[in-house]
Amino acid sequence: MRDPREISRSDAAAMGAEALKICRAGSYTAPSGRPVELRDAIARAVAHVAFAILDTSPERRTIGPFARRFAGLA
């Protein structure tokens, strides 16, 4: 029996394209007709991204706006 969570490649591609469209637009309309605003939440998430360089010592691994706190240097 096939796992019901499995989807076809084309369906996955269509869902991914829809997700990108929604993120780029910053909002979407729910099935209920209610508008759902995502723009501010997306902007906050992007503003708080930290990048990791994995081939360095732990003290220098995290860079970005919260590097000192993550590395235990704050």
C-alpha atoms as a PDB file:
ATOM      1  CA  MET A   1       0.000   0.000   0.000  1.00  0.00           C
ATOM      2  CA  ARG A   2       1.294   3.432  -0.900  1.00  0.00           C
ATOM      3  CA  ASP A   3       1.929   5.944   1.881  1.00  0.00           C
ATOM      4  CA  PRO A   4      -0.823   8.607   1.612  1.00  0.00           C
ATOM      5  CA  ARG A   5       1.770  11.269   2.425  1.00  0.00           C
ATOM      6  CA  GLU A   6       3.632  10.496  -0.779  1.00  0.00           C
ATOM      7  CA  ILE A   7       2.837  12.795  -3.671  1.00  0.00           C
ATOM      8  CA  SER A   8       3.875  12.811  -7.286  1.00  0.00           C
ATOM      9  CA  ARG A   9       6.813  14.865  -8.444  1.00  0.00           C
ATOM     10  CA  SER A  10       4.530  17.106 -10.494  1.00  0.00           C
ATOM     11  CA  ASP A  11       2.204  17.727  -7.515  1.00  0.00           C
ATOM     12  CA  ALA A  12       5.206  18.543  -5.306  1.00  0.00           C
ATOM     13  CA  ALA A  13       6.509  20.957  -7.949  1.00  0.00           C
ATOM     14  CA  ALA A  14       3.098  22.641  -8.192  1.00  0.00           C
ATOM     15  CA  MET A  15       2.885  23.042  -4.394  1.00  0.00           C
ATOM     16  CA  GLY A  16       6.405  24.435  -4.276  1.00  0.00           C
ATOM     17  CA  ALA A  17       5.611  26.930  -7.037  1.00  0.00           C
ATOM     18  CA  GLU A  18       2.466  27.996  -5.162  1.00  0.00           C
ATOM     19  CA  ALA A  19       4.444  28.439  -1.916  1.00  0.00           C
ATOM     20  CA  LEU A  20       6.998  30.635  -3.705  1.00  0.00           C
ATOM     21  CA  LYS A  21       4.224  32.700  -5.277  1.00  0.00           C
ATOM     22  CA  ILE A  22       2.632  33.233  -1.856  1.00  0.00           C
ATOM     23  CA  CYS A  23       5.968  34.181  -0.236  1.00  0.00           C
ATOM     24  CA  ARG A  24       6.773  36.637  -3.024  1.00  0.00           C
ATOM     25  CA  ALA A  25       3.308  38.186  -2.810  1.00  0.00           C
ATOM     26  CA  GLY A  26       3.496  38.364   1.001  1.00  0.00           C
ATOM     27  CA  SER A  27      -0.098  37.231   1.436  1.00  0.00           C
ATOM     28  CA  TYR A  28      -2.765  34.822   0.264  1.00  0.00           C
ATOM     29  CA  THR A  29      -6.498  34.300   0.597  1.00  0.00           C
ATOM     30  CA  ALA A  30      -7.525  31.389   2.823  1.00  0.00           C
ATOM     31  CA  PRO A  31     -10.232  28.980   1.633  1.00  0.00           C
ATOM     32  CA  SER A  32     -12.599  30.814   3.993  1.00  0.00           C
ATOM     33  CA  GLY A  33     -12.020  34.011   2.003  1.00  0.00           C
ATOM     34  CA  ARG A  34     -10.040  35.625   4.815  1.00  0.00           C
ATOM     35  CA  PRO A  35      -6.830  37.385   3.734  1.00  0.00           C
ATOM     36  CA  VAL A  36      -3.671  36.064   5.418  1.00  0.00           C
ATOM     37  CA  GLU A  37      -0.797  38.567   5.621  1.00  0.00           C
ATOM     38  CA  LEU A  38       2.704  37.070   5.713  1.00  0.00           C
ATOM     39  CA  ARG A  39       4.896  39.992   4.635  1.00  0.00           C
ATOM     40  CA  ASP A  40       5.915  41.150   8.146  1.00  0.00           C
ATOM     41  CA  ALA A  41       6.525  37.602   9.432  1.00  0.00           C
ATOM     42  CA  ILE A  42       8.690  36.808   6.404  1.00  0.00           C
ATOM     43  CA  ALA A  43      10.666  40.042   6.857  1.00  0.00           C
ATOM     44  CA  ARG A  44      11.278  39.230  10.558  1.00  0.00           C
ATOM     45  CA  ALA A  45      12.409  35.705   9.717  1.00  0.00           C
ATOM     46  CA  VAL A  46      14.825  36.917   7.050  1.00  0.00           C
ATOM     47  CA  ALA A  47      16.202  39.607   9.374  1.00  0.00           C
ATOM     48  CA  HIS A  48      17.051  36.989  12.014  1.00  0.00           C
ATOM     49  CA  VAL A  49      18.800  34.452   9.836  1.00  0.00           C
ATOM     50  CA  ALA A  50      22.250  33.377  10.990  1.00  0.00           C
ATOM     51  CA  PHE A  51      24.695  31.516   8.803  1.00  0.00           C
ATOM     52  CA  ALA A  52      27.021  28.767   9.970  1.00  0.00           C
ATOM     53  CA  ILE A  53      30.492  27.995   8.679  1.00  0.00           C
ATOM     54  CA  LEU A  54      30.972  24.373   9.648  1.00  0.00           C
ATOM     55  CA  ASP A  55      34.693  23.934   9.029  1.00  0.00           C
ATOM     56  CA  THR A  56      35.818  26.307  11.805  1.00  0.00           C
ATOM     57  CA  SER A  57      36.085  26.083  15.566  1.00  0.00           C
ATOM     58  CA  PRO A  58      32.796  26.280  17.509  1.00  0.00           C
ATOM     59  CA  GLU A  59      33.676  29.758  18.768  1.00  0.00           C
ATOM     60  CA  ARG A  60      33.758  31.102  15.211  1.00  0.00           C
ATOM     61  CA  ARG A  61      31.106  28.869  13.665  1.00  0.00           C
ATOM     62  CA  THR A  62      28.113  31.220  13.687  1.00  0.00           C
ATOM     63  CA  ILE A  63      28.182  34.518  11.867  1.00  0.00           C
ATOM     64  CA  GLY A  64      25.417  37.046  11.531  1.00  0.00           C
ATOM     65  CA  PRO A  65      23.586  39.499  13.800  1.00  0.00           C
ATOM     66  CA  PHE A  66      23.533  37.125  16.804  1.00  0.00           C
ATOM     67  CA  ALA A  67      26.969  35.558  16.405  1.00  0.00           C
ATOM     68  CA  ARG A  68      28.288  36.469  19.848  1.00  0.00           C
ATOM     69  CA  ARG A  69      25.210  35.203  21.669  1.00  0.00           C
ATOM     70  CA  PHE A  70      25.196  31.894  19.763  1.00  0.00           C
ATOM     71  CA  ALA A  71      28.910  31.362  20.280  1.00  0.00           C
ATOM     72  CA  GLY A  72      28.600  32.069  24.009  1.00  0.00           C
ATOM     73  CA  LEU A  73      30.642  35.258  23.702  1.00  0.00           C
ATOM     74  CA  ALA A  74      27.990  37.777  24.724  1.00  0.00           C
END
